[in-house]
């Protein structure tokens, strides 16, 4: 089972999310939890479509990290 990095963004009125390793795979919802479930569903559909088209499933290669900086 592959795991993909998901980026969540608060837009001011809802959440949006995307997977950098799966171009065009996005979702949005009212809460982060809803957006997470919608993103999971979107990834499953995305991969199913790639398989139907005989395309390669992208590997999860994107990494993320946090860097703390002092506020002056």
N, C-alpha and C. Protein backbone atom coordinates (compact mmCIF):
# COMPACT_ATOMS: atom_id res chain seq x y z
N UNK A 1 0.85 -1.18 0.00
CA UNK A 1 0.00 0.00 0.00
C UNK A 1 0.88 1.24 0.00
N UNK A 2 0.59 2.16 -0.89
CA UNK A 2 1.33 3.41 -0.96
C UNK A 2 0.68 4.46 -0.10
N UNK A 3 1.49 5.32 0.45
CA UNK A 3 1.00 6.49 1.15
C UNK A 3 1.50 7.71 0.40
N UNK A 4 0.67 8.70 0.25
CA UNK A 4 1.04 9.92 -0.47
C UNK A 4 0.96 11.11 0.47
N UNK A 5 1.91 12.01 0.33
CA UNK A 5 1.89 13.25 1.09
C UNK A 5 0.71 14.09 0.61
N UNK A 6 -0.05 14.60 1.55
CA UNK A 6 -1.19 15.46 1.23
C UNK A 6 -0.94 16.82 1.87
N UNK A 7 -1.14 17.86 1.09
CA UNK A 7 -1.02 19.23 1.58
C UNK A 7 -2.44 19.76 1.81
N UNK A 8 -2.70 20.22 3.03
CA UNK A 8 -4.00 20.80 3.39
C UNK A 8 -3.82 22.30 3.56
N UNK A 9 -4.75 23.06 3.03
CA UNK A 9 -4.71 24.51 3.15
C UNK A 9 -6.07 25.04 3.59
N UNK A 10 -6.07 25.90 4.59
CA UNK A 10 -7.28 26.59 5.00
C UNK A 10 -7.44 27.80 4.09
N UNK A 11 -8.56 27.92 3.41
CA UNK A 11 -8.75 29.00 2.44
C UNK A 11 -9.46 30.21 3.03
N UNK A 12 -9.85 30.10 4.28
CA UNK A 12 -10.63 31.17 4.91
C UNK A 12 -12.09 30.80 5.03
N UNK A 13 -12.53 29.85 4.21
CA UNK A 13 -13.93 29.41 4.30
C UNK A 13 -14.07 27.89 4.24
N UNK A 14 -13.03 27.21 3.77
CA UNK A 14 -13.04 25.75 3.75
C UNK A 14 -11.60 25.26 3.61
N UNK A 15 -11.43 23.95 3.54
CA UNK A 15 -10.11 23.36 3.34
C UNK A 15 -9.98 22.85 1.92
N UNK A 16 -8.79 22.98 1.38
CA UNK A 16 -8.48 22.35 0.11
C UNK A 16 -7.26 21.46 0.34
N UNK A 17 -7.11 20.47 -0.53
CA UNK A 17 -6.00 19.53 -0.38
C UNK A 17 -5.55 19.06 -1.74
N UNK A 18 -4.27 18.70 -1.82
CA UNK A 18 -3.73 18.11 -3.04
C UNK A 18 -2.57 17.19 -2.69
N UNK A 19 -2.29 16.28 -3.62
CA UNK A 19 -1.18 15.35 -3.48
C UNK A 19 -0.12 15.71 -4.52
N UNK A 20 1.03 16.25 -4.11
CA UNK A 20 2.04 16.67 -5.09
C UNK A 20 2.49 15.56 -6.04
N UNK A 21 2.46 14.31 -5.59
CA UNK A 21 2.89 13.20 -6.45
C UNK A 21 1.81 12.73 -7.42
N UNK A 22 0.61 13.28 -7.28
CA UNK A 22 -0.51 12.89 -8.16
C UNK A 22 -1.10 14.17 -8.78
N UNK A 23 -0.47 14.68 -9.83
CA UNK A 23 -0.90 15.95 -10.42
C UNK A 23 -2.39 15.99 -10.76
N UNK A 24 -3.05 17.03 -10.28
CA UNK A 24 -4.47 17.20 -10.57
C UNK A 24 -5.39 16.50 -9.59
N UNK A 25 -4.84 15.76 -8.65
CA UNK A 25 -5.65 15.06 -7.65
C UNK A 25 -5.88 16.01 -6.49
N UNK A 26 -7.10 16.54 -6.39
CA UNK A 26 -7.44 17.55 -5.39
C UNK A 26 -8.79 17.26 -4.76
N UNK A 27 -9.04 17.91 -3.63
CA UNK A 27 -10.34 17.81 -2.97
C UNK A 27 -10.50 19.03 -2.08
N UNK A 28 -11.75 19.33 -1.73
CA UNK A 28 -11.99 20.39 -0.75
C UNK A 28 -13.23 20.03 0.05
N UNK A 29 -13.28 20.53 1.28
CA UNK A 29 -14.39 20.24 2.16
C UNK A 29 -14.51 21.29 3.25
N UNK A 30 -15.59 21.21 4.01
CA UNK A 30 -15.85 22.18 5.06
C UNK A 30 -14.92 22.03 6.26
N UNK A 31 -14.51 20.78 6.54
CA UNK A 31 -13.60 20.52 7.66
C UNK A 31 -12.38 19.77 7.16
N UNK A 32 -11.34 19.76 7.97
CA UNK A 32 -10.14 19.03 7.57
C UNK A 32 -10.44 17.54 7.49
N UNK A 33 -11.25 17.04 8.42
CA UNK A 33 -11.60 15.62 8.42
C UNK A 33 -12.37 15.24 7.16
N UNK A 34 -13.33 16.06 6.78
CA UNK A 34 -14.09 15.81 5.56
C UNK A 34 -13.16 15.85 4.34
N UNK A 35 -12.29 16.83 4.32
CA UNK A 35 -11.35 16.97 3.21
C UNK A 35 -10.42 15.78 3.12
N UNK A 36 -9.99 15.28 4.26
CA UNK A 36 -9.12 14.09 4.28
C UNK A 36 -9.84 12.88 3.67
N UNK A 37 -11.09 12.67 4.03
CA UNK A 37 -11.84 11.54 3.47
C UNK A 37 -12.08 11.73 1.98
N UNK A 38 -12.43 12.94 1.58
CA UNK A 38 -12.64 13.21 0.16
C UNK A 38 -11.35 13.03 -0.63
N UNK A 39 -10.22 13.39 -0.02
CA UNK A 39 -8.93 13.23 -0.69
C UNK A 39 -8.60 11.75 -0.83
N UNK A 40 -8.89 10.96 0.18
CA UNK A 40 -8.67 9.51 0.09
C UNK A 40 -9.49 8.93 -1.06
N UNK A 41 -10.75 9.33 -1.15
CA UNK A 41 -11.61 8.87 -2.24
C UNK A 41 -11.06 9.31 -3.60
N UNK A 42 -10.57 10.56 -3.66
CA UNK A 42 -10.03 11.09 -4.92
C UNK A 42 -8.79 10.31 -5.35
N UNK A 43 -7.94 9.94 -4.39
CA UNK A 43 -6.73 9.18 -4.72
C UNK A 43 -7.10 7.80 -5.27
N UNK A 44 -8.07 7.17 -4.65
CA UNK A 44 -8.51 5.85 -5.12
C UNK A 44 -9.03 5.94 -6.55
N UNK A 45 -9.87 6.94 -6.83
CA UNK A 45 -10.39 7.13 -8.19
C UNK A 45 -9.27 7.45 -9.17
N UNK A 46 -8.35 8.30 -8.76
CA UNK A 46 -7.22 8.70 -9.60
C UNK A 46 -6.41 7.47 -10.01
N UNK A 47 -6.08 6.64 -9.05
CA UNK A 47 -5.28 5.45 -9.33
C UNK A 47 -6.06 4.45 -10.18
N UNK A 48 -7.35 4.29 -9.90
CA UNK A 48 -8.19 3.41 -10.72
C UNK A 48 -8.18 3.84 -12.18
N UNK A 49 -8.28 5.15 -12.42
CA UNK A 49 -8.27 5.67 -13.79
C UNK A 49 -6.92 5.43 -14.46
N UNK A 50 -5.83 5.63 -13.73
CA UNK A 50 -4.51 5.34 -14.29
C UNK A 50 -4.41 3.88 -14.70
N UNK A 51 -4.89 2.99 -13.83
CA UNK A 51 -4.85 1.55 -14.13
C UNK A 51 -5.67 1.24 -15.37
N UNK A 52 -6.87 1.82 -15.47
CA UNK A 52 -7.74 1.57 -16.64
C UNK A 52 -7.07 2.01 -17.93
N UNK A 53 -6.30 3.10 -17.84
CA UNK A 53 -5.62 3.64 -19.02
C UNK A 53 -4.26 2.97 -19.26
N UNK A 54 -3.90 2.01 -18.41
CA UNK A 54 -2.63 1.31 -18.58
C UNK A 54 -1.42 2.16 -18.23
N UNK A 55 -1.62 3.20 -17.43
CA UNK A 55 -0.52 4.08 -17.05
C UNK A 55 0.14 3.61 -15.75
N UNK A 56 1.35 4.07 -15.55
CA UNK A 56 2.10 3.74 -14.35
C UNK A 56 1.58 4.53 -13.16
N UNK A 57 1.50 3.87 -12.02
CA UNK A 57 1.09 4.53 -10.78
C UNK A 57 2.31 5.28 -10.23
N UNK A 58 2.21 6.58 -10.02
CA UNK A 58 3.35 7.34 -9.51
C UNK A 58 3.79 6.87 -8.12
N UNK A 59 5.09 6.83 -7.93
CA UNK A 59 5.62 6.52 -6.61
C UNK A 59 5.48 7.76 -5.73
N UNK A 60 5.33 7.52 -4.45
CA UNK A 60 5.31 8.62 -3.49
C UNK A 60 6.75 9.02 -3.20
N UNK A 61 7.15 10.19 -3.69
CA UNK A 61 8.52 10.64 -3.51
C UNK A 61 8.63 11.97 -2.78
N UNK A 62 7.53 12.69 -2.67
CA UNK A 62 7.56 14.01 -2.03
C UNK A 62 7.66 13.85 -0.52
N UNK A 63 8.51 14.66 0.08
CA UNK A 63 8.67 14.68 1.54
C UNK A 63 8.36 16.09 2.04
N UNK A 64 8.03 16.19 3.30
CA UNK A 64 7.75 17.49 3.89
C UNK A 64 8.43 17.57 5.25
N UNK A 65 8.68 18.76 5.67
CA UNK A 65 9.27 18.98 6.98
C UNK A 65 8.93 20.39 7.46
N UNK A 66 9.12 20.59 8.72
CA UNK A 66 8.88 21.91 9.31
C UNK A 66 10.22 22.50 9.73
N UNK A 67 10.38 23.77 9.52
CA UNK A 67 11.57 24.48 9.98
C UNK A 67 11.08 25.61 10.91
N UNK A 68 11.58 25.59 12.11
CA UNK A 68 11.20 26.64 13.07
C UNK A 68 12.14 27.81 12.91
N UNK A 69 11.54 29.00 12.92
CA UNK A 69 12.33 30.23 12.84
C UNK A 69 11.85 31.17 13.95
N UNK A 70 12.77 31.91 14.47
CA UNK A 70 12.40 32.89 15.49
C UNK A 70 11.73 34.09 14.86
N UNK A 71 10.74 34.59 15.51
CA UNK A 71 10.05 35.78 15.03
C UNK A 71 10.70 36.98 15.72
N UNK A 72 11.11 37.92 14.91
CA UNK A 72 11.80 39.11 15.45
C UNK A 72 10.81 40.22 15.69
